[in-house]
Amino acid sequence: MDRSSRLSPLGLQRIRVLDCLGGNNLRAPGYFDPPEDIDIFASFAAYIARWSQQCAADPNPLTISLLAAGRLLCGDQAAADVIVDQLRSEPFKLDHGAGICVVTPKNALGIALPLPADLQDTGRWLAGSAEQAALRAWLVGHRDRLHWVEAAGVYLPRAAEPPAQFAPPAGAVARVRHVMTKDGHAWLANSDLTLVDGVLTAVIKWNVVPEGQRHPAVRLDPAFLHHIDWEDADYVYDRPIEDPRHLEYRPSLWRRLFG
């Protein structure tokens, strides 16, 4: 198996962390060479644990943040606090991708956690800002309410109840948190939840087009739907949803690597 195929299940955020730690540089001491017979996620976790131990005394804020991002993307929620504590005091603007490692930790945090809409603008995450204080408060309030989804590299709201019975009034909708996948990529999403001809359905986007209404939607299995008490959703769906939108979005290579 070629290296690209071997690493691809890790997803963009974990691969970026590897890049910044020298994990993809054959000449660097931090080169990541996962054995073929060991699970790729376990190999990544062992790599991050080893480098976290070796760099425990390193005072460099960027090193601290990058290793915290790696631990966060291995399911260590406490690493989120480290990233927030190490936020820069001034905004940082990429120059055609240059400096991507500086923003990788906070980008990983913003993508991995199901943050409310008013906390999703990572450009406003600065040391001493109201956003930093709000992030700290959010982490404290949600620390025991998150569930790590290793394959997607994200955290979903934890559901303690048995599967929910969704029986809204006719035409009513609710909001559902879930993992969305497309072309091998995964991210957190919120969709509308409703019944279509009595079938549980997530509507990804409400569209009005010249030919009439066409709504990308996915039928859901009620066995994986759970109630949650969350800021922006009423339910969580415990299985990934493949993005059904028929318009193929293929970002440029620069956007995929540095967007």
Protein backbone atom coordinates (compact mmCIF):
# COMPACT_ATOMS: atom_id res chain seq x y z
CA MET A 1 0.00 0.00 0.00
CA ASP A 2 1.36 3.44 -0.90
CA ARG A 3 1.88 6.02 1.85
CA SER A 4 -0.96 8.29 0.73
CA SER A 5 -3.51 5.48 0.90
CA ARG A 6 -2.12 4.33 4.25
CA LEU A 7 -2.47 7.79 5.83
CA SER A 8 -5.71 8.92 4.17
CA PRO A 9 -8.04 7.49 6.88
CA LEU A 10 -6.46 9.93 9.35
CA GLY A 11 -8.18 12.84 7.61
CA LEU A 12 -6.93 16.31 6.79
CA GLN A 13 -6.53 17.69 10.33
CA ARG A 14 -4.42 14.81 11.65
CA ILE A 15 -2.29 14.81 8.49
CA ARG A 16 -1.70 18.55 8.92
CA VAL A 17 -0.50 17.96 12.47
CA LEU A 18 1.87 15.29 11.12
CA ASP A 19 3.17 17.71 8.49
CA CYS A 20 3.87 20.38 11.10
CA LEU A 21 5.70 17.92 13.38
CA GLY A 22 7.87 16.63 10.54
CA GLY A 23 5.85 13.45 10.27
CA ASN A 24 5.83 13.49 6.47
CA ASN A 25 9.46 14.53 6.03
CA LEU A 26 11.63 11.46 5.50
CA ARG A 27 14.73 13.37 6.69
CA ALA A 28 13.12 14.76 9.85
CA PRO A 29 13.56 13.06 13.24
CA GLY A 30 9.77 13.13 13.63
CA TYR A 31 9.09 11.11 10.47
CA PHE A 32 5.94 9.01 10.87
CA ASP A 33 6.41 5.48 9.54
CA PRO A 34 3.40 3.42 10.67
CA PRO A 35 3.79 -0.37 10.52
CA GLU A 36 1.50 -2.06 8.02
CA ASP A 37 0.15 -4.51 10.59
CA ILE A 38 -0.95 -1.89 13.16
CA ASP A 39 -4.15 0.14 13.02
CA ILE A 40 -3.40 3.59 11.57
CA PHE A 41 -5.25 5.40 14.38
CA ALA A 42 -3.34 3.46 17.02
CA SER A 43 -0.09 4.27 15.22
CA PHE A 44 -0.95 7.96 15.13
CA ALA A 45 -1.85 7.96 18.83
CA ALA A 46 1.43 6.23 19.73
CA TYR A 47 3.38 8.76 17.62
CA ILE A 48 1.69 11.72 19.33
CA ALA A 49 2.20 10.18 22.79
CA ARG A 50 5.89 9.58 22.09
CA TRP A 51 6.51 13.12 20.84
CA SER A 52 4.47 14.65 23.67
CA GLN A 53 6.73 12.86 26.13
CA GLN A 54 9.93 13.81 24.32
CA CYS A 55 8.90 17.45 24.03
CA ALA A 56 7.38 17.79 27.50
CA ALA A 57 9.98 20.40 28.49
CA ASP A 58 9.85 22.34 25.21
CA PRO A 59 8.67 25.91 26.00
CA ASN A 60 7.80 26.76 22.38
CA PRO A 61 4.08 27.71 22.34
CA LEU A 62 3.65 26.36 18.81
CA THR A 63 5.11 22.97 19.74
CA ILE A 64 2.85 22.85 22.79
CA SER A 65 -0.20 23.71 20.67
CA LEU A 66 0.59 21.27 17.86
CA LEU A 67 1.08 18.36 20.24
CA ALA A 68 -2.13 19.33 22.04
CA ALA A 69 -3.91 19.30 18.67
CA GLY A 70 -2.54 15.82 18.07
CA ARG A 71 -3.81 14.62 21.45
CA LEU A 72 -7.20 16.26 20.86
CA LEU A 73 -7.43 14.33 17.58
CA CYS A 74 -6.73 11.12 19.49
CA GLY A 75 -9.73 11.66 21.78
CA ASP A 76 -8.04 13.58 24.62
CA GLN A 77 -10.57 16.31 25.41
CA ALA A 78 -8.31 17.96 28.00
CA ALA A 79 -5.94 18.94 25.17
CA ALA A 80 -8.53 21.48 24.04
CA ASP A 81 -7.78 23.59 27.12
CA VAL A 82 -4.09 23.67 26.19
CA ILE A 83 -4.87 24.95 22.68
CA VAL A 84 -7.13 27.68 24.07
CA ASP A 85 -4.48 28.69 26.63
CA GLN A 86 -1.86 29.04 23.87
CA LEU A 87 -3.87 31.31 21.56
CA ARG A 88 -1.92 34.15 19.95
CA SER A 89 -2.60 37.72 21.00
CA GLU A 90 -2.58 39.01 17.41
CA PRO A 91 -4.41 37.73 14.30
CA PHE A 92 -2.34 35.64 11.88
CA LYS A 93 -2.93 35.72 8.14
CA LEU A 94 -1.70 32.94 5.86
CA ASP A 95 0.40 33.92 2.85
CA HIS A 96 -0.56 31.44 0.12
CA GLY A 97 -0.49 28.68 2.72
CA ALA A 98 2.72 29.82 4.40
CA GLY A 99 2.30 29.64 8.16
CA ILE A 100 -0.36 26.94 8.10
CA CYS A 101 1.21 25.31 11.16
CA VAL A 102 0.54 28.45 13.21
CA VAL A 103 -3.23 28.11 12.73
CA THR A 104 -3.43 24.31 12.60
CA PRO A 105 -4.10 23.82 16.35
CA LYS A 106 -7.04 26.21 16.54
CA ASN A 107 -8.40 25.00 13.20
CA ALA A 108 -8.29 21.43 14.50
CA LEU A 109 -10.15 22.54 17.62
CA GLY A 110 -12.79 24.42 15.64
CA ILE A 111 -13.43 21.51 13.30
CA ALA A 112 -13.32 18.71 15.88
CA LEU A 113 -15.73 20.21 18.43
CA PRO A 114 -19.49 20.81 17.97
CA LEU A 115 -19.21 24.47 18.90
CA PRO A 116 -22.18 26.84 18.65
CA ALA A 117 -22.28 29.19 15.66
CA ASP A 118 -21.13 32.22 17.66
CA LEU A 119 -17.86 30.46 18.57
CA GLN A 120 -16.96 29.00 15.17
CA ASP A 121 -15.00 31.96 13.78
CA THR A 122 -11.43 30.93 14.64
CA GLY A 123 -10.14 34.24 13.32
CA ARG A 124 -11.57 35.89 16.43
CA TRP A 125 -9.87 33.45 18.81
CA LEU A 126 -7.21 35.65 20.40
CA ALA A 127 -5.51 35.64 23.77
CA GLY A 128 -7.40 37.89 26.17
CA SER A 129 -10.47 38.07 23.93
CA ALA A 130 -14.09 37.48 24.86
CA GLU A 131 -13.98 34.45 22.55
CA GLN A 132 -11.15 32.88 24.53
CA ALA A 133 -13.15 33.28 27.74
CA ALA A 134 -16.26 31.89 26.04
CA LEU A 135 -14.32 28.89 24.72
CA ARG A 136 -13.00 28.13 28.19
CA ALA A 137 -16.51 28.35 29.64
CA TRP A 138 -17.92 26.14 26.86
CA LEU A 139 -15.26 23.49 27.44
CA VAL A 140 -15.98 23.43 31.17
CA GLY A 141 -19.72 23.09 30.56
CA HIS A 142 -19.42 20.37 27.91
CA ARG A 143 -16.42 18.36 29.07
CA ASP A 144 -18.49 15.32 30.09
CA ARG A 145 -21.02 15.68 27.29
CA LEU A 146 -18.86 14.80 24.29
CA HIS A 147 -18.32 11.52 22.46
CA TRP A 148 -15.15 10.91 20.42
CA VAL A 149 -15.70 9.58 16.87
CA GLU A 150 -12.26 8.29 15.90
CA ALA A 151 -12.85 7.53 12.23
CA ALA A 152 -14.18 11.04 11.56
CA GLY A 153 -11.78 12.80 13.94
CA VAL A 154 -14.56 14.79 15.62
CA TYR A 155 -16.58 14.93 18.84
CA LEU A 156 -20.36 14.51 18.86
CA PRO A 157 -22.74 15.34 21.70
CA ARG A 158 -23.00 12.34 24.00
CA ALA A 159 -26.42 10.68 24.18
CA ALA A 160 -27.27 8.73 27.32
CA GLU A 161 -30.88 7.97 26.48
CA PRO A 162 -32.16 5.03 24.42
CA PRO A 163 -33.11 5.73 20.79
CA ALA A 164 -35.57 8.62 20.51
CA GLN A 165 -39.12 8.38 19.23
CA PHE A 166 -39.46 11.22 16.72
CA ALA A 167 -43.11 12.08 16.22
CA PRO A 168 -43.47 15.78 15.40
CA PRO A 169 -46.64 17.51 14.25
CA ALA A 170 -47.19 17.45 10.49
CA GLY A 171 -44.61 19.60 8.72
CA ALA A 172 -42.60 20.33 11.87
CA VAL A 173 -38.81 20.10 11.86
CA ALA A 174 -36.10 19.75 14.49
CA ARG A 175 -32.32 20.03 14.31
CA VAL A 176 -29.96 17.04 14.34
CA ARG A 177 -26.19 16.98 14.89
CA HIS A 178 -24.27 14.39 12.90
CA VAL A 179 -21.10 13.59 11.01
CA MET A 180 -21.23 14.35 7.29
CA THR A 181 -18.97 12.54 4.83
CA LYS A 182 -18.04 13.16 1.21
CA ASP A 183 -15.17 11.92 -0.96
CA GLY A 184 -13.38 10.47 2.06
CA HIS A 185 -13.65 13.66 4.14
CA ALA A 186 -15.71 13.98 7.33
CA TRP A 187 -16.97 16.99 9.26
CA LEU A 188 -19.61 17.99 11.80
CA ALA A 189 -22.95 19.22 10.51
CA ASN A 190 -26.41 20.29 11.62
CA SER A 191 -29.41 19.34 9.48
CA ASP A 192 -33.15 19.65 9.69
CA LEU A 193 -34.96 16.55 10.94
CA THR A 194 -38.48 15.77 9.79
CA LEU A 195 -40.81 13.01 8.60
CA VAL A 196 -41.31 12.51 4.88
CA ASP A 197 -44.22 10.15 4.18
CA GLY A 198 -43.73 8.85 7.70
CA VAL A 199 -40.01 8.16 7.17
CA LEU A 200 -37.38 9.77 9.42
CA THR A 201 -35.39 12.11 7.16
CA ALA A 202 -32.53 14.57 7.47
CA VAL A 203 -32.85 17.48 5.06
CA ILE A 204 -29.35 18.70 4.32
CA LYS A 205 -30.44 21.93 2.64
CA TRP A 206 -33.74 23.48 1.62
CA ASN A 207 -33.43 24.47 -2.03
CA VAL A 208 -35.69 26.35 -4.40
CA VAL A 209 -34.63 25.96 -8.02
CA PRO A 210 -36.25 26.96 -11.34
CA GLU A 211 -37.68 23.46 -11.78
CA GLY A 212 -39.29 23.66 -8.35
CA GLN A 213 -38.23 22.49 -4.93
CA ARG A 214 -35.46 19.92 -4.66
CA HIS A 215 -34.19 19.17 -1.20
CA PRO A 216 -31.07 17.00 -0.71
CA ALA A 217 -32.18 14.60 2.00
CA VAL A 218 -31.20 11.30 3.59
CA ARG A 219 -33.38 8.66 5.22
CA LEU A 220 -32.25 7.81 8.73
CA ASP A 221 -32.40 4.71 10.87
CA PRO A 222 -34.36 5.58 14.06
CA ALA A 223 -32.17 3.15 16.03
CA PHE A 224 -29.31 5.68 15.90
CA LEU A 225 -31.28 8.83 16.75
CA HIS A 226 -31.04 10.20 20.31
CA HIS A 227 -32.34 13.21 22.22
CA ILE A 228 -29.71 15.70 23.41
CA ASP A 229 -29.79 18.89 25.42
CA TRP A 230 -27.67 21.09 23.18
CA GLU A 231 -27.43 24.74 22.14
CA ASP A 232 -28.24 24.28 18.48
CA ALA A 233 -29.74 20.80 18.11
CA ASP A 234 -32.46 18.63 19.60
CA TYR A 235 -31.07 15.27 18.46
CA VAL A 236 -27.82 13.53 17.62
CA TYR A 237 -27.46 10.83 14.95
CA ASP A 238 -24.80 8.25 15.79
CA ARG A 239 -23.95 7.20 12.23
CA PRO A 240 -22.24 9.23 9.49
CA ILE A 241 -24.43 10.65 6.74
CA GLU A 242 -23.10 10.69 3.19
CA ASP A 243 -23.61 14.13 1.66
CA PRO A 244 -26.36 13.69 -0.95
CA ARG A 245 -25.94 16.99 -2.77
CA HIS A 246 -25.70 16.28 -6.45
CA LEU A 247 -23.50 19.26 -7.25
CA GLU A 248 -19.96 18.00 -6.94
CA TYR A 249 -17.73 20.39 -5.05
CA ARG A 250 -14.08 19.90 -5.84
CA PRO A 251 -11.95 22.54 -4.10
CA SER A 252 -8.62 23.56 -5.53
CA LEU A 253 -5.53 21.81 -4.24
CA TRP A 254 -4.52 24.99 -2.38
CA ARG A 255 -7.94 25.20 -0.74
CA ARG A 256 -7.82 21.54 0.29
CA LEU A 257 -4.40 21.91 1.88
CA PHE A 258 -4.60 25.39 3.36
CA GLY A 259 -8.25 26.51 3.38
